[in-house]
Amino acid sequence: MSKELRGAVYSRYATISSFANAIGWSYSKANRIVNDEQSPNADEMVRIADALGIATQAEFIRIFFNEQSTKWTA
């Protein structure tokens, strides 16, 4: 998730600080989530999607669930 989310944040906001201010979080929390040190819960994902203007299900999935699982591959 980190690369996709990070790219989306920086494409809309110049800094993590401006993203944090827009979403109403501390810089620390926004930084941990954007840098994949903390996973957002469902409510936080919705807030992020709103702040980033994510409008489609496909874009939401790309940002938050793009990691490829190797569980079922040989």
C-alpha atoms as a PDB file:
ATOM      1  CA  MET A   1       0.000   0.000   0.000  1.00  0.00           C
ATOM      2  CA  SER A   2       2.754   2.416   0.844  1.00  0.00           C
ATOM      3  CA  LYS A   3       3.898   3.367  -2.669  1.00  0.00           C
ATOM      4  CA  GLU A   4       0.368   3.813  -3.997  1.00  0.00           C
ATOM      5  CA  LEU A   5      -0.843   5.798  -0.987  1.00  0.00           C
ATOM      6  CA  ARG A   6       2.321   7.869  -0.806  1.00  0.00           C
ATOM      7  CA  GLY A   7       2.058   8.744  -4.486  1.00  0.00           C
ATOM      8  CA  ALA A   8      -1.602   9.702  -4.120  1.00  0.00           C
ATOM      9  CA  VAL A   9      -0.875  11.907  -1.113  1.00  0.00           C
ATOM     10  CA  TYR A  10       2.001  13.716  -2.834  1.00  0.00           C
ATOM     11  CA  SER A  11       0.046  14.147  -6.044  1.00  0.00           C
ATOM     12  CA  ARG A  12      -2.598  16.117  -4.143  1.00  0.00           C
ATOM     13  CA  TYR A  13      -0.642  17.660  -1.240  1.00  0.00           C
ATOM     14  CA  ALA A  14       2.825  19.180  -1.299  1.00  0.00           C
ATOM     15  CA  THR A  15       3.771  17.759   2.097  1.00  0.00           C
ATOM     16  CA  ILE A  16       2.620  15.239   4.661  1.00  0.00           C
ATOM     17  CA  SER A  17       1.999  18.214   6.950  1.00  0.00           C
ATOM     18  CA  SER A  18      -0.527  19.694   4.541  1.00  0.00           C
ATOM     19  CA  PHE A  19      -2.182  16.275   4.149  1.00  0.00           C
ATOM     20  CA  ALA A  20      -2.320  15.894   7.948  1.00  0.00           C
ATOM     21  CA  ASN A  21      -3.905  19.333   8.314  1.00  0.00           C
ATOM     22  CA  ALA A  22      -6.477  18.585   5.600  1.00  0.00           C
ATOM     23  CA  ILE A  23      -7.507  15.304   7.187  1.00  0.00           C
ATOM     24  CA  GLY A  24      -7.391  16.578  10.777  1.00  0.00           C
ATOM     25  CA  TRP A  25      -4.626  14.313  12.019  1.00  0.00           C
ATOM     26  CA  SER A  26      -1.316  14.955  13.692  1.00  0.00           C
ATOM     27  CA  TYR A  27       1.744  14.980  11.453  1.00  0.00           C
ATOM     28  CA  SER A  28       3.007  11.911  13.307  1.00  0.00           C
ATOM     29  CA  LYS A  29      -0.073   9.819  12.563  1.00  0.00           C
ATOM     30  CA  ALA A  30      -0.238  10.869   8.913  1.00  0.00           C
ATOM     31  CA  ASN A  31       3.485  10.190   8.499  1.00  0.00           C
ATOM     32  CA  ARG A  32       3.202   6.690  10.003  1.00  0.00           C
ATOM     33  CA  ILE A  33       0.311   5.784   7.704  1.00  0.00           C
ATOM     34  CA  VAL A  34       1.792   7.299   4.542  1.00  0.00           C
ATOM     35  CA  ASN A  35       5.142   5.593   5.219  1.00  0.00           C
ATOM     36  CA  ASP A  36       3.463   2.219   5.914  1.00  0.00           C
ATOM     37  CA  GLU A  37       4.556   2.089   9.551  1.00  0.00           C
ATOM     38  CA  GLN A  38       0.894   1.923  10.647  1.00  0.00           C
ATOM     39  CA  SER A  39      -2.055   0.477   8.777  1.00  0.00           C
ATOM     40  CA  PRO A  40      -5.198   2.595   8.610  1.00  0.00           C
ATOM     41  CA  ASN A  41      -8.421   1.100   9.905  1.00  0.00           C
ATOM     42  CA  ALA A  42     -11.595   1.129   7.796  1.00  0.00           C
ATOM     43  CA  ASP A  43     -12.772   4.535   9.063  1.00  0.00           C
ATOM     44  CA  GLU A  44      -9.341   6.038   8.436  1.00  0.00           C
ATOM     45  CA  MET A  45      -9.325   4.612   4.897  1.00  0.00           C
ATOM     46  CA  VAL A  46     -12.608   6.396   4.202  1.00  0.00           C
ATOM     47  CA  ARG A  47     -11.205   9.680   5.560  1.00  0.00           C
ATOM     48  CA  ILE A  48      -8.089   9.290   3.430  1.00  0.00           C
ATOM     49  CA  ALA A  49     -10.178   8.502   0.349  1.00  0.00           C
ATOM     50  CA  ASP A  50     -12.271  11.628   0.930  1.00  0.00           C
ATOM     51  CA  ALA A  51      -9.173  13.798   1.425  1.00  0.00           C
ATOM     52  CA  LEU A  52      -7.599  12.428  -1.757  1.00  0.00           C
ATOM     53  CA  GLY A  53     -10.761  12.682  -3.826  1.00  0.00           C
ATOM     54  CA  ILE A  54     -10.853   8.960  -4.541  1.00  0.00           C
ATOM     55  CA  ALA A  55     -14.131   8.462  -6.361  1.00  0.00           C
ATOM     56  CA  THR A  56     -14.102   4.929  -7.722  1.00  0.00           C
ATOM     57  CA  GLN A  57     -13.981   1.496  -6.184  1.00  0.00           C
ATOM     58  CA  ALA A  58     -11.112   0.545  -8.498  1.00  0.00           C
ATOM     59  CA  GLU A  59      -9.014   3.484  -7.352  1.00  0.00           C
ATOM     60  CA  PHE A  60      -9.778   2.730  -3.685  1.00  0.00           C
ATOM     61  CA  ILE A  61      -8.674  -0.879  -4.159  1.00  0.00           C
ATOM     62  CA  ARG A  62      -5.535   0.198  -6.021  1.00  0.00           C
ATOM     63  CA  ILE A  63      -4.535   2.557  -3.197  1.00  0.00           C
ATOM     64  CA  PHE A  64      -5.366   0.370  -0.205  1.00  0.00           C
ATOM     65  CA  PHE A  65      -5.297  -3.247  -1.389  1.00  0.00           C
ATOM     66  CA  ASN A  66      -2.758  -3.415  -4.192  1.00  0.00           C
ATOM     67  CA  GLU A  67      -0.350  -5.785  -2.452  1.00  0.00           C
ATOM     68  CA  GLN A  68       0.054  -9.095  -4.219  1.00  0.00           C
ATOM     69  CA  SER A  69      -0.321 -12.189  -2.078  1.00  0.00           C
ATOM     70  CA  THR A  70       1.996 -15.112  -2.707  1.00  0.00           C
ATOM     71  CA  LYS A  71      -0.006 -17.440  -0.457  1.00  0.00           C
ATOM     72  CA  TRP A  72      -1.542 -19.387  -3.353  1.00  0.00           C
ATOM     73  CA  THR A  73       1.356 -19.330  -5.770  1.00  0.00           C
ATOM     74  CA  ALA A  74       4.022 -22.000  -6.098  1.00  0.00           C
END
